C-alpha atoms as a PDB file:
ATOM      1  CA  MET A   1     -30.764  29.475   2.300  1.00  0.00           C
ATOM      2  CA  THR A   2     -33.654  28.124   4.337  1.00  0.00           C
ATOM      3  CA  LYS A   3     -36.031  30.303   6.248  1.00  0.00           C
ATOM      4  CA  THR A   4     -35.186  31.357   9.826  1.00  0.00           C
ATOM      5  CA  GLU A   5     -36.490  28.390  11.949  1.00  0.00           C
ATOM      6  CA  THR A   6     -38.632  29.738  14.726  1.00  0.00           C
ATOM      7  CA  LEU A   7     -39.480  28.365  18.192  1.00  0.00           C
ATOM      8  CA  GLU A   8     -42.615  26.912  16.974  1.00  0.00           C
ATOM      9  CA  ASP A   9     -40.629  25.254  13.927  1.00  0.00           C
ATOM     10  CA  PHE A  10     -38.182  23.905  16.927  1.00  0.00           C
ATOM     11  CA  TYR A  11     -40.638  22.516  18.909  1.00  0.00           C
ATOM     12  CA  ARG A  12     -42.904  21.143  15.898  1.00  0.00           C
ATOM     13  CA  HIS A  13     -39.770  19.155  14.589  1.00  0.00           C
ATOM     14  CA  LYS A  14     -38.002  17.930  17.883  1.00  0.00           C
ATOM     15  CA  ILE A  15     -41.148  18.065  20.384  1.00  0.00           C
ATOM     16  CA  ASN A  16     -44.152  17.808  18.701  1.00  0.00           C
ATOM     17  CA  GLY A  17     -45.836  20.590  20.419  1.00  0.00           C
ATOM     18  CA  LEU A  18     -45.120  23.747  22.274  1.00  0.00           C
ATOM     19  CA  PRO A  19     -45.039  23.370  26.004  1.00  0.00           C
ATOM     20  CA  GLU A  20     -47.926  24.934  27.844  1.00  0.00           C
ATOM     21  CA  ASN A  21     -46.014  25.616  31.146  1.00  0.00           C
ATOM     22  CA  LEU A  22     -43.481  28.347  30.012  1.00  0.00           C
ATOM     23  CA  LYS A  23     -44.328  31.993  30.655  1.00  0.00           C
ATOM     24  CA  GLN A  24     -44.405  33.810  27.453  1.00  0.00           C
ATOM     25  CA  ASP A  25     -44.500  37.356  29.186  1.00  0.00           C
ATOM     26  CA  ILE A  26     -41.041  37.010  30.517  1.00  0.00           C
ATOM     27  CA  GLY A  27     -39.370  35.658  27.014  1.00  0.00           C
ATOM     28  CA  HIS A  28     -39.238  31.725  26.550  1.00  0.00           C
ATOM     29  CA  PHE A  29     -36.829  29.681  27.972  1.00  0.00           C
ATOM     30  CA  ASN A  30     -36.234  25.779  28.134  1.00  0.00           C
ATOM     31  CA  VAL A  31     -33.454  23.372  28.673  1.00  0.00           C
ATOM     32  CA  PHE A  32     -33.226  19.990  27.010  1.00  0.00           C
ATOM     33  CA  ARG A  33     -30.606  16.943  27.312  1.00  0.00           C
ATOM     34  CA  LEU A  34     -29.106  16.583  24.065  1.00  0.00           C
ATOM     35  CA  GLU A  35     -29.679  12.631  23.647  1.00  0.00           C
ATOM     36  CA  ASP A  36     -33.579  13.352  24.178  1.00  0.00           C
ATOM     37  CA  CYS A  37     -33.314  15.251  20.844  1.00  0.00           C
ATOM     38  CA  LEU A  38     -31.505  12.814  18.371  1.00  0.00           C
ATOM     39  CA  GLY A  39     -32.055   9.740  16.704  1.00  0.00           C
ATOM     40  CA  PRO A  40     -33.201   8.207  13.587  1.00  0.00           C
ATOM     41  CA  ASP A  41     -36.885   9.453  13.954  1.00  0.00           C
ATOM     42  CA  LYS A  42     -35.629  12.805  14.653  1.00  0.00           C
ATOM     43  CA  PRO A  43     -34.862  15.681  11.367  1.00  0.00           C
ATOM     44  CA  PRO A  44     -31.369  16.591  10.818  1.00  0.00           C
ATOM     45  CA  VAL A  45     -30.453  20.088  12.038  1.00  0.00           C
ATOM     46  CA  GLN A  46     -31.063  22.359   8.776  1.00  0.00           C
ATOM     47  CA  TYR A  47     -28.373  25.053   7.902  1.00  0.00           C
ATOM     48  CA  SER A  48     -30.539  28.303   8.917  1.00  0.00           C
ATOM     49  CA  ARG A  49     -30.751  31.326  11.115  1.00  0.00           C
ATOM     50  CA  ARG A  50     -32.881  30.702  14.240  1.00  0.00           C
ATOM     51  CA  ASP A  51     -34.920  33.370  16.079  1.00  0.00           C
ATOM     52  CA  PHE A  52     -33.618  32.269  19.448  1.00  0.00           C
ATOM     53  CA  TYR A  53     -30.457  32.054  21.322  1.00  0.00           C
ATOM     54  CA  LYS A  54     -29.129  28.546  21.748  1.00  0.00           C
ATOM     55  CA  ILE A  55     -26.324  27.461  24.440  1.00  0.00           C
ATOM     56  CA  SER A  56     -25.206  23.664  24.177  1.00  0.00           C
ATOM     57  CA  LEU A  57     -22.781  21.640  25.534  1.00  0.00           C
ATOM     58  CA  MET A  58     -21.846  18.855  23.093  1.00  0.00           C
ATOM     59  CA  ARG A  59     -19.606  15.890  23.604  1.00  0.00           C
ATOM     60  CA  GLY A  60     -18.072  13.647  21.117  1.00  0.00           C
ATOM     61  CA  LYS A  61     -17.032  14.705  17.689  1.00  0.00           C
ATOM     62  CA  HIS A  62     -18.594  17.136  15.457  1.00  0.00           C
ATOM     63  CA  ILE A  63     -18.352  19.304  12.672  1.00  0.00           C
ATOM     64  CA  TYR A  64     -19.796  22.494  12.972  1.00  0.00           C
ATOM     65  CA  HIS A  65     -20.961  25.069  10.296  1.00  0.00           C
ATOM     66  CA  TYR A  66     -21.156  28.497  11.256  1.00  0.00           C
ATOM     67  CA  ALA A  67     -21.504  30.942   8.268  1.00  0.00           C
ATOM     68  CA  ASP A  68     -19.357  29.673   5.446  1.00  0.00           C
ATOM     69  CA  LYS A  69     -17.036  28.071   7.942  1.00  0.00           C
ATOM     70  CA  SER A  70     -16.610  24.436   9.479  1.00  0.00           C
ATOM     71  CA  LEU A  71     -15.155  23.600  12.645  1.00  0.00           C
ATOM     72  CA  THR A  72     -14.148  20.095  13.762  1.00  0.00           C
ATOM     73  CA  VAL A  73     -14.501  19.656  17.359  1.00  0.00           C
ATOM     74  CA  SER A  74     -13.808  16.718  19.549  1.00  0.00           C
ATOM     75  CA  GLY A  75     -14.203  16.197  23.402  1.00  0.00           C
ATOM     76  CA  THR A  76     -16.304  18.568  25.301  1.00  0.00           C
ATOM     77  CA  THR A  77     -17.522  21.984  23.488  1.00  0.00           C
ATOM     78  CA  LEU A  78     -19.813  24.374  24.697  1.00  0.00           C
ATOM     79  CA  ILE A  79     -21.124  26.443  22.070  1.00  0.00           C
ATOM     80  CA  PHE A  80     -23.032  29.465  21.870  1.00  0.00           C
ATOM     81  CA  PHE A  81     -25.527  30.205  18.918  1.00  0.00           C
ATOM     82  CA  ASN A  82     -26.978  33.594  18.149  1.00  0.00           C
ATOM     83  CA  PRO A  83     -29.794  34.398  15.931  1.00  0.00           C
ATOM     84  CA  GLN A  84     -27.662  36.646  13.500  1.00  0.00           C
ATOM     85  CA  VAL A  85     -25.597  34.012  12.071  1.00  0.00           C
ATOM     86  CA  PRO A  86     -27.017  31.060  10.192  1.00  0.00           C
ATOM     87  CA  TYR A  87     -25.720  27.217  11.611  1.00  0.00           C
ATOM     88  CA  THR A  88     -25.887  23.502  11.344  1.00  0.00           C
ATOM     89  CA  TYR A  89     -23.735  20.642  12.611  1.00  0.00           C
ATOM     90  CA  GLU A  90     -22.805  17.410  12.013  1.00  0.00           C
ATOM     91  CA  GLN A  91     -22.283  14.273  14.635  1.00  0.00           C
ATOM     92  CA  LEU A  92     -19.619  12.025  13.983  1.00  0.00           C
ATOM     93  CA  SER A  93     -19.709  10.167  16.978  1.00  0.00           C
ATOM     94  CA  GLU A  94     -22.089   7.447  17.414  1.00  0.00           C
ATOM     95  CA  ASN A  95     -23.380   8.277  20.928  1.00  0.00           C
ATOM     96  CA  PRO A  96     -23.160  11.733  21.310  1.00  0.00           C
ATOM     97  CA  SER A  97     -24.116  13.451  24.687  1.00  0.00           C
ATOM     98  CA  GLY A  98     -24.490  16.768  26.097  1.00  0.00           C
ATOM     99  CA  TYR A  99     -27.152  19.502  27.025  1.00  0.00           C
ATOM    100  CA  PHE A 100     -28.653  22.571  25.248  1.00  0.00           C
ATOM    101  CA  CYS A 101     -30.814  25.578  26.266  1.00  0.00           C
ATOM    102  CA  ILE A 102     -33.040  28.050  24.237  1.00  0.00           C
ATOM    103  CA  PHE A 103     -34.191  31.272  24.909  1.00  0.00           C
ATOM    104  CA  LYS A 104     -35.507  34.597  23.334  1.00  0.00           C
ATOM    105  CA  GLU A 105     -33.541  37.844  23.884  1.00  0.00           C
ATOM    106  CA  SER A 106     -36.376  38.783  25.557  1.00  0.00           C
ATOM    107  CA  PHE A 107     -35.778  36.684  28.372  1.00  0.00           C
ATOM    108  CA  PHE A 108     -32.868  38.979  29.267  1.00  0.00           C
ATOM    109  CA  THR A 109     -34.395  42.231  28.382  1.00  0.00           C
ATOM    110  CA  GLU A 110     -33.378  44.991  30.735  1.00  0.00           C
ATOM    111  CA  ARG A 111     -31.343  42.361  32.676  1.00  0.00           C
ATOM    112  CA  ILE A 112     -27.974  42.551  31.390  1.00  0.00           C
ATOM    113  CA  ARG A 113     -26.238  45.741  30.448  1.00  0.00           C
ATOM    114  CA  GLY A 114     -26.080  46.594  26.868  1.00  0.00           C
ATOM    115  CA  GLY A 115     -28.418  43.105  26.232  1.00  0.00           C
ATOM    116  CA  ILE A 116     -27.428  39.365  25.754  1.00  0.00           C
ATOM    117  CA  ARG A 117     -26.160  40.310  22.311  1.00  0.00           C
ATOM    118  CA  GLU A 118     -23.430  42.121  23.652  1.00  0.00           C
ATOM    119  CA  LEU A 119     -21.876  39.304  25.444  1.00  0.00           C
ATOM    120  CA  PRO A 120     -18.463  38.573  23.572  1.00  0.00           C
ATOM    121  CA  MET A 121     -19.353  34.936  22.331  1.00  0.00           C
ATOM    122  CA  PHE A 122     -22.815  36.281  20.717  1.00  0.00           C
ATOM    123  CA  VAL A 123     -21.071  39.087  18.856  1.00  0.00           C
ATOM    124  CA  PRO A 124     -20.908  38.111  15.175  1.00  0.00           C
ATOM    125  CA  GLY A 125     -17.243  37.462  14.363  1.00  0.00           C
ATOM    126  CA  ASN A 126     -15.975  36.745  17.579  1.00  0.00           C
ATOM    127  CA  LYS A 127     -15.049  32.986  18.805  1.00  0.00           C
ATOM    128  CA  PRO A 128     -18.524  31.020  19.514  1.00  0.00           C
ATOM    129  CA  SER A 129     -17.177  27.656  20.815  1.00  0.00           C
ATOM    130  CA  TYR A 130     -14.912  26.861  23.739  1.00  0.00           C
ATOM    131  CA  VAL A 131     -13.175  23.527  24.433  1.00  0.00           C
ATOM    132  CA  LEU A 132     -13.615  22.376  28.084  1.00  0.00           C
ATOM    133  CA  ASN A 133     -11.403  20.046  30.403  1.00  0.00           C
ATOM    134  CA  LYS A 134     -13.072  17.595  32.506  1.00  0.00           C
ATOM    135  CA  THR A 135     -13.346  19.871  35.331  1.00  0.00           C
ATOM    136  CA  GLN A 136     -14.883  22.628  33.314  1.00  0.00           C
ATOM    137  CA  ASP A 137     -17.088  19.879  31.984  1.00  0.00           C
ATOM    138  CA  LYS A 138     -18.453  18.600  35.164  1.00  0.00           C
ATOM    139  CA  ARG A 139     -19.059  22.312  36.324  1.00  0.00           C
ATOM    140  CA  VAL A 140     -21.248  23.225  33.215  1.00  0.00           C
ATOM    141  CA  SER A 141     -22.918  19.742  33.256  1.00  0.00           C
ATOM    142  CA  ARG A 142     -24.040  20.825  36.904  1.00  0.00           C
ATOM    143  CA  ILE A 143     -25.344  23.956  35.771  1.00  0.00           C
ATOM    144  CA  PHE A 144     -27.482  22.313  33.010  1.00  0.00           C
ATOM    145  CA  ASP A 145     -28.502  19.837  35.704  1.00  0.00           C
ATOM    146  CA  LYS A 146     -30.237  22.583  37.747  1.00  0.00           C
ATOM    147  CA  MET A 147     -31.648  24.368  34.997  1.00  0.00           C
ATOM    148  CA  LEU A 148     -33.370  20.635  34.157  1.00  0.00           C
ATOM    149  CA  GLU A 149     -34.355  20.406  37.828  1.00  0.00           C
ATOM    150  CA  GLU A 150     -35.671  24.240  37.961  1.00  0.00           C
ATOM    151  CA  ILE A 151     -37.739  24.455  34.808  1.00  0.00           C
ATOM    152  CA  GLY A 152     -39.986  21.520  36.301  1.00  0.00           C
ATOM    153  CA  SER A 153     -40.366  23.268  39.623  1.00  0.00           C
ATOM    154  CA  ASP A 154     -42.906  25.471  41.167  1.00  0.00           C
ATOM    155  CA  TYR A 155     -40.572  27.848  42.373  1.00  0.00           C
ATOM    156  CA  PRO A 156     -42.441  31.200  41.807  1.00  0.00           C
ATOM    157  CA  PHE A 157     -38.563  32.916  41.139  1.00  0.00           C
ATOM    158  CA  LYS A 158     -37.003  29.893  39.192  1.00  0.00           C
ATOM    159  CA  TYR A 159     -36.656  32.166  35.860  1.00  0.00           C
ATOM    160  CA  ASP A 160     -34.527  34.370  37.646  1.00  0.00           C
ATOM    161  CA  LEU A 161     -32.133  31.509  39.083  1.00  0.00           C
ATOM    162  CA  ILE A 162     -32.154  30.179  35.111  1.00  0.00           C
ATOM    163  CA  ARG A 163     -30.898  33.579  34.556  1.00  0.00           C
ATOM    164  CA  ASN A 164     -28.064  33.600  37.043  1.00  0.00           C
ATOM    165  CA  TYR A 165     -27.067  29.705  36.087  1.00  0.00           C
ATOM    166  CA  ILE A 166     -26.955  30.992  32.112  1.00  0.00           C
ATOM    167  CA  MET A 167     -24.679  33.955  33.003  1.00  0.00           C
ATOM    168  CA  GLU A 168     -22.535  31.224  35.285  1.00  0.00           C
ATOM    169  CA  MET A 169     -21.940  29.576  32.247  1.00  0.00           C
ATOM    170  CA  VAL A 170     -20.882  32.791  30.111  1.00  0.00           C
ATOM    171  CA  HIS A 171     -18.198  33.551  32.715  1.00  0.00           C
ATOM    172  CA  VAL A 172     -17.305  29.975  32.844  1.00  0.00           C
ATOM    173  CA  ALA A 173     -16.369  30.437  29.119  1.00  0.00           C
ATOM    174  CA  LEU A 174     -15.011  34.016  29.070  1.00  0.00           C
ATOM    175  CA  LYS A 175     -12.615  32.832  31.499  1.00  0.00           C
ATOM    176  CA  ILE A 176     -10.972  30.097  29.413  1.00  0.00           C
ATOM    177  CA  GLN A 177      -9.451  33.221  27.297  1.00  0.00           C
ATOM    178  CA  PRO A 178      -7.601  36.280  29.019  1.00  0.00           C
ATOM    179  CA  SER A 179     -10.138  38.538  29.628  1.00  0.00           C
ATOM    180  CA  GLU A 180      -8.366  41.363  28.243  1.00  0.00           C
ATOM    181  CA  SER A 181      -8.420  39.658  24.687  1.00  0.00           C
ATOM    182  CA  LEU A 182     -12.333  39.992  25.170  1.00  0.00           C
ATOM    183  CA  TYR A 183     -12.936  43.218  26.772  1.00  0.00           C
ATOM    184  CA  GLN A 184      -9.928  45.572  26.336  1.00  0.00           C
ATOM    185  CA  HIS A 185      -8.104  47.101  23.673  1.00  0.00           C
ATOM    186  CA  ALA A 186      -4.558  48.437  23.909  1.00  0.00           C
ATOM    187  CA  ASP A 187      -5.075  51.762  22.062  1.00  0.00           C
ATOM    188  CA  ALA A 188      -7.245  53.681  19.797  1.00  0.00           C
ATOM    189  CA  ASN A 189      -6.351  51.858  16.433  1.00  0.00           C
ATOM    190  CA  ALA A 190      -7.696  48.542  18.204  1.00  0.00           C
ATOM    191  CA  ARG A 191     -10.661  50.265  19.398  1.00  0.00           C
ATOM    192  CA  ILE A 192     -11.580  51.443  16.035  1.00  0.00           C
ATOM    193  CA  THR A 193     -10.931  48.071  14.477  1.00  0.00           C
ATOM    194  CA  ALA A 194     -13.034  46.620  16.508  1.00  0.00           C
ATOM    195  CA  VAL A 195     -16.047  48.874  15.954  1.00  0.00           C
ATOM    196  CA  PHE A 196     -15.256  48.586  12.381  1.00  0.00           C
ATOM    197  CA  THR A 197     -15.503  44.740  12.306  1.00  0.00           C
ATOM    198  CA  GLU A 198     -18.780  45.016  14.488  1.00  0.00           C
ATOM    199  CA  LEU A 199     -20.212  47.417  11.770  1.00  0.00           C
ATOM    200  CA  LEU A 200     -18.995  45.225   9.004  1.00  0.00           C
ATOM    201  CA  GLU A 201     -20.438  42.049  10.517  1.00  0.00           C
ATOM    202  CA  ARG A 202     -23.931  43.477  11.333  1.00  0.00           C
ATOM    203  CA  GLN A 203     -24.699  43.561   7.431  1.00  0.00           C
ATOM    204  CA  PHE A 204     -24.617  39.577   7.545  1.00  0.00           C
ATOM    205  CA  PRO A 205     -25.889  37.417   6.813  1.00  0.00           C
ATOM    206  CA  ILE A 206     -27.876  38.022   3.648  1.00  0.00           C
ATOM    207  CA  GLU A 207     -31.231  36.465   4.031  1.00  0.00           C
ATOM    208  CA  SER A 208     -33.345  37.173   1.036  1.00  0.00           C
ATOM    209  CA  PRO A 209     -32.331  38.267  -2.641  1.00  0.00           C
ATOM    210  CA  SER A 210     -34.035  41.539  -1.708  1.00  0.00           C
ATOM    211  CA  GLN A 211     -31.567  42.400   0.913  1.00  0.00           C
ATOM    212  CA  ARG A 212     -28.733  44.455   0.215  1.00  0.00           C
ATOM    213  CA  PHE A 213     -25.021  44.811   1.219  1.00  0.00           C
ATOM    214  CA  THR A 214     -24.548  48.669   0.895  1.00  0.00           C
ATOM    215  CA  LEU A 215     -21.266  49.698   3.110  1.00  0.00           C
ATOM    216  CA  ARG A 216     -18.902  48.477   0.385  1.00  0.00           C
ATOM    217  CA  SER A 217     -16.129  50.818   0.827  1.00  0.00           C
ATOM    218  CA  ALA A 218     -13.633  52.263   3.470  1.00  0.00           C
ATOM    219  CA  ARG A 219     -14.983  55.413   3.037  1.00  0.00           C
ATOM    220  CA  ASP A 220     -18.746  54.105   3.731  1.00  0.00           C
ATOM    221  CA  TYR A 221     -17.427  52.674   7.046  1.00  0.00           C
ATOM    222  CA  ALA A 222     -15.515  55.969   7.919  1.00  0.00           C
ATOM    223  CA  LYS A 223     -18.480  58.064   7.192  1.00  0.00           C
ATOM    224  CA  GLN A 224     -20.407  55.704   9.654  1.00  0.00           C
ATOM    225  CA  LEU A 225     -17.757  55.797  12.237  1.00  0.00           C
ATOM    226  CA  ALA A 226     -17.574  59.602  12.158  1.00  0.00           C
ATOM    227  CA  VAL A 227     -13.419  59.532  11.370  1.00  0.00           C
ATOM    228  CA  HIS A 228     -11.519  60.178   8.400  1.00  0.00           C
ATOM    229  CA  VAL A 229     -10.903  57.493   5.897  1.00  0.00           C
ATOM    230  CA  ASN A 230      -7.211  57.665   6.322  1.00  0.00           C
ATOM    231  CA  HIS A 231      -7.404  57.731   9.899  1.00  0.00           C
ATOM    232  CA  LEU A 232      -9.474  54.385   9.575  1.00  0.00           C
ATOM    233  CA  ASN A 233      -7.366  52.635   6.980  1.00  0.00           C
ATOM    234  CA  ARG A 234      -4.013  53.642   9.099  1.00  0.00           C
ATOM    235  CA  ALA A 235      -5.611  52.065  12.249  1.00  0.00           C
ATOM    236  CA  ILE A 236      -6.841  48.866  10.545  1.00  0.00           C
ATOM    237  CA  ARG A 237      -3.446  48.196   8.743  1.00  0.00           C
ATOM    238  CA  GLN A 238      -1.696  48.880  12.080  1.00  0.00           C
ATOM    239  CA  THR A 239      -3.825  46.568  14.041  1.00  0.00           C
ATOM    240  CA  THR A 240      -4.214  43.690  11.564  1.00  0.00           C
ATOM    241  CA  GLY A 241      -1.750  44.017   8.913  1.00  0.00           C
ATOM    242  CA  LYS A 242      -4.023  44.406   6.355  1.00  0.00           C
ATOM    243  CA  THR A 243      -6.218  47.307   4.613  1.00  0.00           C
ATOM    244  CA  THR A 244      -9.645  47.769   5.372  1.00  0.00           C
ATOM    245  CA  THR A 245     -10.700  47.059   1.681  1.00  0.00           C
ATOM    246  CA  ALA A 246      -9.299  43.708   1.943  1.00  0.00           C
ATOM    247  CA  HIS A 247     -11.037  43.096   5.361  1.00  0.00           C
ATOM    248  CA  ILE A 248     -14.279  44.057   3.404  1.00  0.00           C
ATOM    249  CA  MET A 249     -13.635  41.831   0.193  1.00  0.00           C
ATOM    250  CA  GLU A 250     -12.747  38.903   2.518  1.00  0.00           C
ATOM    251  CA  ARG A 251     -16.206  39.119   4.226  1.00  0.00           C
ATOM    252  CA  LEU A 252     -17.799  39.746   0.997  1.00  0.00           C
ATOM    253  CA  THR A 253     -16.178  36.677  -0.603  1.00  0.00           C
ATOM    254  CA  SER A 254     -17.032  34.544   2.446  1.00  0.00           C
ATOM    255  CA  GLU A 255     -20.709  35.579   2.180  1.00  0.00           C
ATOM    256  CA  ALA A 256     -20.741  34.933  -1.722  1.00  0.00           C
ATOM    257  CA  LYS A 257     -19.379  31.635  -0.860  1.00  0.00           C
ATOM    258  CA  ALA A 258     -22.269  30.736   1.651  1.00  0.00           C
ATOM    259  CA  LEU A 259     -24.667  31.997  -0.506  1.00  0.00           C
ATOM    260  CA  LEU A 260     -23.790  29.756  -3.243  1.00  0.00           C
ATOM    261  CA  LYS A 261     -23.211  26.923  -1.018  1.00  0.00           C
ATOM    262  CA  HIS A 262     -26.610  27.060   0.885  1.00  0.00           C
ATOM    263  CA  THR A 263     -28.778  28.718  -1.162  1.00  0.00           C
ATOM    264  CA  HIS A 264     -30.466  28.029  -4.553  1.00  0.00           C
ATOM    265  CA  TRP A 265     -30.594  31.667  -5.627  1.00  0.00           C
ATOM    266  CA  ASN A 266     -29.595  32.238  -9.080  1.00  0.00           C
ATOM    267  CA  ILE A 267     -26.163  33.958  -9.789  1.00  0.00           C
ATOM    268  CA  SER A 268     -28.217  37.449 -10.606  1.00  0.00           C
ATOM    269  CA  GLU A 269     -29.829  37.454  -7.441  1.00  0.00           C
ATOM    270  CA  ILE A 270     -26.600  36.988  -5.454  1.00  0.00           C
ATOM    271  CA  SER A 271     -24.883  39.417  -7.304  1.00  0.00           C
ATOM    272  CA  TYR A 272     -27.630  42.020  -6.766  1.00  0.00           C
ATOM    273  CA  CYS A 273     -27.765  41.434  -2.827  1.00  0.00           C
ATOM    274  CA  LEU A 274     -24.011  41.442  -2.828  1.00  0.00           C
ATOM    275  CA  GLY A 275     -24.249  45.164  -4.068  1.00  0.00           C
ATOM    276  CA  PHE A 276     -22.819  44.384  -7.354  1.00  0.00           C
ATOM    277  CA  GLU A 277     -24.677  46.463 -10.396  1.00  0.00           C
ATOM    278  CA  ASP A 278     -24.700  43.413 -12.596  1.00  0.00           C
ATOM    279  CA  PRO A 279     -23.608  39.677 -12.665  1.00  0.00           C
ATOM    280  CA  ALA A 280     -20.585  40.321 -14.975  1.00  0.00           C
ATOM    281  CA  HIS A 281     -19.127  42.496 -12.233  1.00  0.00           C
ATOM    282  CA  PHE A 282     -19.795  39.483  -9.601  1.00  0.00           C
ATOM    283  CA  ASN A 283     -17.997  37.052 -11.727  1.00  0.00           C
ATOM    284  CA  HIS A 284     -14.882  38.898 -12.277  1.00  0.00           C
ATOM    285  CA  PHE A 285     -14.960  39.804  -8.421  1.00  0.00           C
ATOM    286  CA  PHE A 286     -15.238  35.881  -7.342  1.00  0.00           C
ATOM    287  CA  LYS A 287     -12.958  34.768  -9.879  1.00  0.00           C
ATOM    288  CA  LYS A 288     -10.139  37.195  -8.770  1.00  0.00           C
ATOM    289  CA  GLN A 289     -10.784  36.312  -4.870  1.00  0.00           C
ATOM    290  CA  THR A 290     -11.103  32.370  -5.388  1.00  0.00           C
ATOM    291  CA  ASN A 291      -9.430  31.592  -8.949  1.00  0.00           C
ATOM    292  CA  LEU A 292     -13.454  30.237  -9.679  1.00  0.00           C
ATOM    293  CA  SER A 293     -16.303  31.418 -11.193  1.00  0.00           C
ATOM    294  CA  PRO A 294     -19.348  31.515  -8.780  1.00  0.00           C
ATOM    295  CA  SER A 295     -20.608  28.435 -11.118  1.00  0.00           C
ATOM    296  CA  ALA A 296     -17.730  26.515 -10.872  1.00  0.00           C
ATOM    297  CA  PHE A 297     -17.624  27.124  -7.167  1.00  0.00           C
ATOM    298  CA  ARG A 298     -21.072  26.102  -6.465  1.00  0.00           C
ATOM    299  CA  GLY A 299     -20.523  22.945  -8.728  1.00  0.00           C
END
């Protein structure tokens, strides 16, 4: 897996220099038209984590790679990228269009209750992409146009206004799905399942061979959540139809696939960072989950 892309990397590859007119003390923000950053002379988007947030409105057909998943999207899609999950995308349309903005978490520090990372579309494991109809496309496009206008203005409170524009986009996305599916849990079982899922996702992605996945059993999670392991297992099975162990093994398999596909680490390194004591145990686990050995899957 390539190293985390920084803002400096982004500007060096796409813009050939860091802009001087952007205030650093309030957290970095910038906004662009997608067309201005594409072309044969521009480097392809690498599969990696970023150290900044990104919101994109993309028109056309793309394949969007997020962790080990691939999603083909057509039409207009609003996508929220967070720094915790590696991603890239491939454009399949000849003339894609759209917008995107980038910002550091500190741009919203102390201005959103719980922080920007607590918004549903930025929580790892939640849905990050939203298909827009024509009316929604026009509305979000107008918001991006307003941000483009403000970023070049001398208005002293423009960044406060831009934050409001970002939150307007967030709420456009949240309204596409019923609000109860994002915020509310019908019972205690659903609540504990949601917390378990968030705790599981916080351990990923694995970014270096020295990083280790440590919460490997239902008992480990029950201890972290201060509940009895039987209560955790019962809640998760009733909510999802699957066992706690099945969820952990599926996520572990997902990360193993991503590491095998997107890194050059050897099998022993991947085995270690995923918490296996030796490569033989990892080989047995992976083959049981996928019917392929790690080497065969890597090809």
